[in-house]
Amino acid sequence: MLAELTQAVSRVEQNQLEIGQGQRSLDERVRVVAEQQARLIELLTPEQKPKKGGPGLDELLAEMIVRLDQQNYLLKDVSDTVSRAVTTLPLLIVKAMADAFPPADEPAATTPRNGHGGGAA
């Protein structure tokens, strides 16, 4: 019984040593990855130069992205509102709107259905 306990303790100690070695190996890998990540951030981050009379290209690009994102939300709201409104309109108005604003893959009608042409006679 004592021999079995001694062997078990010995195995536990061996496993602890292996775990410690594995931990040191992981620590080293994490350090290397952190250094690589820091280098990538350094390369991708624009240098801060004194302003010469306006925002830099990175600031302009960031502003454009923010505005485009805001416009996407606004356009979605407009589209949803129009879709809801269409369901309450009379069928004749819905057909006229469909003729006036066809999907992008269909050409617009040259003469509106009401018979009035838009050009000079």
Protein backbone atom coordinates (compact mmCIF):
# COMPACT_ATOMS: atom_id res chain seq x y z
CA MET A 1 0.00 0.00 0.00
CA LEU A 2 2.83 2.37 0.91
CA ALA A 3 4.57 1.55 -2.37
CA GLU A 4 1.42 2.37 -4.33
CA LEU A 5 1.05 5.73 -2.56
CA THR A 6 4.71 6.53 -3.21
CA GLN A 7 4.25 5.75 -6.91
CA ALA A 8 1.09 7.88 -7.05
CA VAL A 9 2.87 10.82 -5.41
CA SER A 10 5.76 10.35 -7.82
CA ARG A 11 3.37 10.42 -10.82
CA VAL A 12 1.67 13.56 -9.47
CA GLU A 13 5.04 15.28 -9.05
CA GLN A 14 6.06 14.25 -12.59
CA ASN A 15 2.77 15.59 -13.98
CA GLN A 16 3.28 18.85 -12.08
CA LEU A 17 6.72 19.22 -13.67
CA GLU A 18 5.25 18.60 -17.13
CA ILE A 19 2.49 21.12 -16.48
CA GLY A 20 5.08 23.69 -15.38
CA GLN A 21 7.10 23.12 -18.55
CA GLY A 22 3.95 23.41 -20.65
CA GLN A 23 3.03 26.66 -18.89
CA ARG A 24 6.46 28.13 -19.56
CA SER A 25 6.16 27.10 -23.20
CA LEU A 26 2.74 28.77 -23.46
CA ASP A 27 4.05 31.90 -21.75
CA GLU A 28 6.82 32.12 -24.33
CA ARG A 29 4.35 31.67 -27.20
CA VAL A 30 2.06 34.36 -25.78
CA ARG A 31 5.03 36.72 -25.47
CA VAL A 32 6.03 36.13 -29.10
CA VAL A 33 2.45 36.65 -30.34
CA ALA A 34 2.12 39.83 -28.26
CA GLU A 35 5.34 41.19 -29.78
CA GLN A 36 4.10 40.38 -33.29
CA GLN A 37 0.76 42.00 -32.57
CA ALA A 38 2.45 45.13 -31.22
CA ARG A 39 4.58 45.31 -34.37
CA LEU A 40 1.49 44.97 -36.61
CA ILE A 41 -0.31 47.71 -34.71
CA GLU A 42 2.77 49.89 -35.02
CA LEU A 43 2.88 49.32 -38.79
CA LEU A 44 -0.84 49.89 -39.31
CA THR A 45 -1.16 52.97 -37.12
CA PRO A 46 -0.50 56.18 -39.04
CA GLU A 47 2.16 58.46 -37.69
CA GLN A 48 0.89 61.51 -35.88
CA LYS A 49 2.12 64.50 -37.83
CA PRO A 50 1.48 68.12 -36.99
CA LYS A 51 -1.72 69.38 -38.59
CA LYS A 52 -1.15 71.65 -41.57
CA GLY A 53 -4.64 73.00 -42.03
CA GLY A 54 -7.16 70.22 -41.90
CA PRO A 55 -7.92 66.70 -40.88
CA GLY A 56 -5.73 63.86 -42.04
CA LEU A 57 -6.80 61.21 -44.50
CA ASP A 58 -7.39 58.69 -41.74
CA GLU A 59 -9.72 61.12 -39.94
CA LEU A 60 -11.61 61.87 -43.17
CA LEU A 61 -11.98 58.18 -43.93
CA ALA A 62 -13.26 57.48 -40.42
CA GLU A 63 -15.78 60.32 -40.72
CA MET A 64 -16.97 59.01 -44.09
CA ILE A 65 -17.45 55.52 -42.69
CA VAL A 66 -19.47 56.86 -39.76
CA ARG A 67 -21.67 58.96 -42.05
CA LEU A 68 -22.25 56.07 -44.47
CA ASP A 69 -23.25 53.87 -41.57
CA GLN A 70 -25.70 56.51 -40.35
CA GLN A 71 -27.13 56.86 -43.86
CA ASN A 72 -27.66 53.11 -44.09
CA TYR A 73 -29.80 53.21 -40.94
CA LEU A 74 -31.73 56.21 -42.27
CA LEU A 75 -32.33 54.58 -45.66
CA LYS A 76 -33.52 51.40 -43.99
CA ASP A 77 -35.97 53.42 -41.90
CA VAL A 78 -37.23 55.23 -45.01
CA SER A 79 -37.61 51.94 -46.88
CA ASP A 80 -39.50 50.36 -43.97
CA THR A 81 -41.79 53.40 -43.72
CA VAL A 82 -42.52 53.35 -47.45
CA SER A 83 -43.19 49.61 -47.33
CA ARG A 84 -45.66 50.08 -44.50
CA ALA A 85 -47.31 53.01 -46.30
CA VAL A 86 -47.70 51.03 -49.51
CA THR A 87 -49.87 48.46 -47.73
CA THR A 88 -52.40 51.18 -46.85
CA LEU A 89 -52.51 52.90 -50.27
CA PRO A 90 -55.16 52.17 -52.89
CA LEU A 91 -54.06 49.68 -55.58
CA LEU A 92 -54.13 52.34 -58.33
CA ILE A 93 -51.54 54.44 -56.47
CA VAL A 94 -49.37 51.40 -55.78
CA LYS A 95 -49.38 50.51 -59.49
CA ALA A 96 -48.51 54.10 -60.44
CA MET A 97 -45.61 54.07 -57.98
CA ALA A 98 -44.41 50.73 -59.35
CA ASP A 99 -44.44 52.17 -62.86
CA ALA A 100 -42.69 55.36 -61.81
CA PHE A 101 -40.04 53.62 -59.70
CA PRO A 102 -39.30 50.20 -61.20
CA PRO A 103 -36.71 47.89 -59.65
CA ALA A 104 -33.15 48.49 -60.83
CA ASP A 105 -33.24 45.52 -63.23
CA GLU A 106 -36.36 46.80 -65.08
CA PRO A 107 -36.34 49.89 -67.33
CA ALA A 108 -38.72 52.73 -66.45
CA ALA A 109 -41.76 53.23 -68.67
CA THR A 110 -41.25 56.14 -71.07
CA THR A 111 -44.89 57.28 -70.91
CA PRO A 112 -46.74 57.23 -67.60
CA ARG A 113 -49.95 55.20 -67.44
CA ASN A 114 -52.03 58.34 -67.06
CA GLY A 115 -51.35 59.03 -70.75
CA HIS A 116 -49.54 62.32 -70.27
CA GLY A 117 -46.09 62.40 -71.75
CA GLY A 118 -43.32 64.26 -70.06
CA GLY A 119 -41.72 65.63 -73.23
CA ALA A 120 -42.55 68.60 -75.44
CA ALA A 121 -45.09 68.10 -78.22
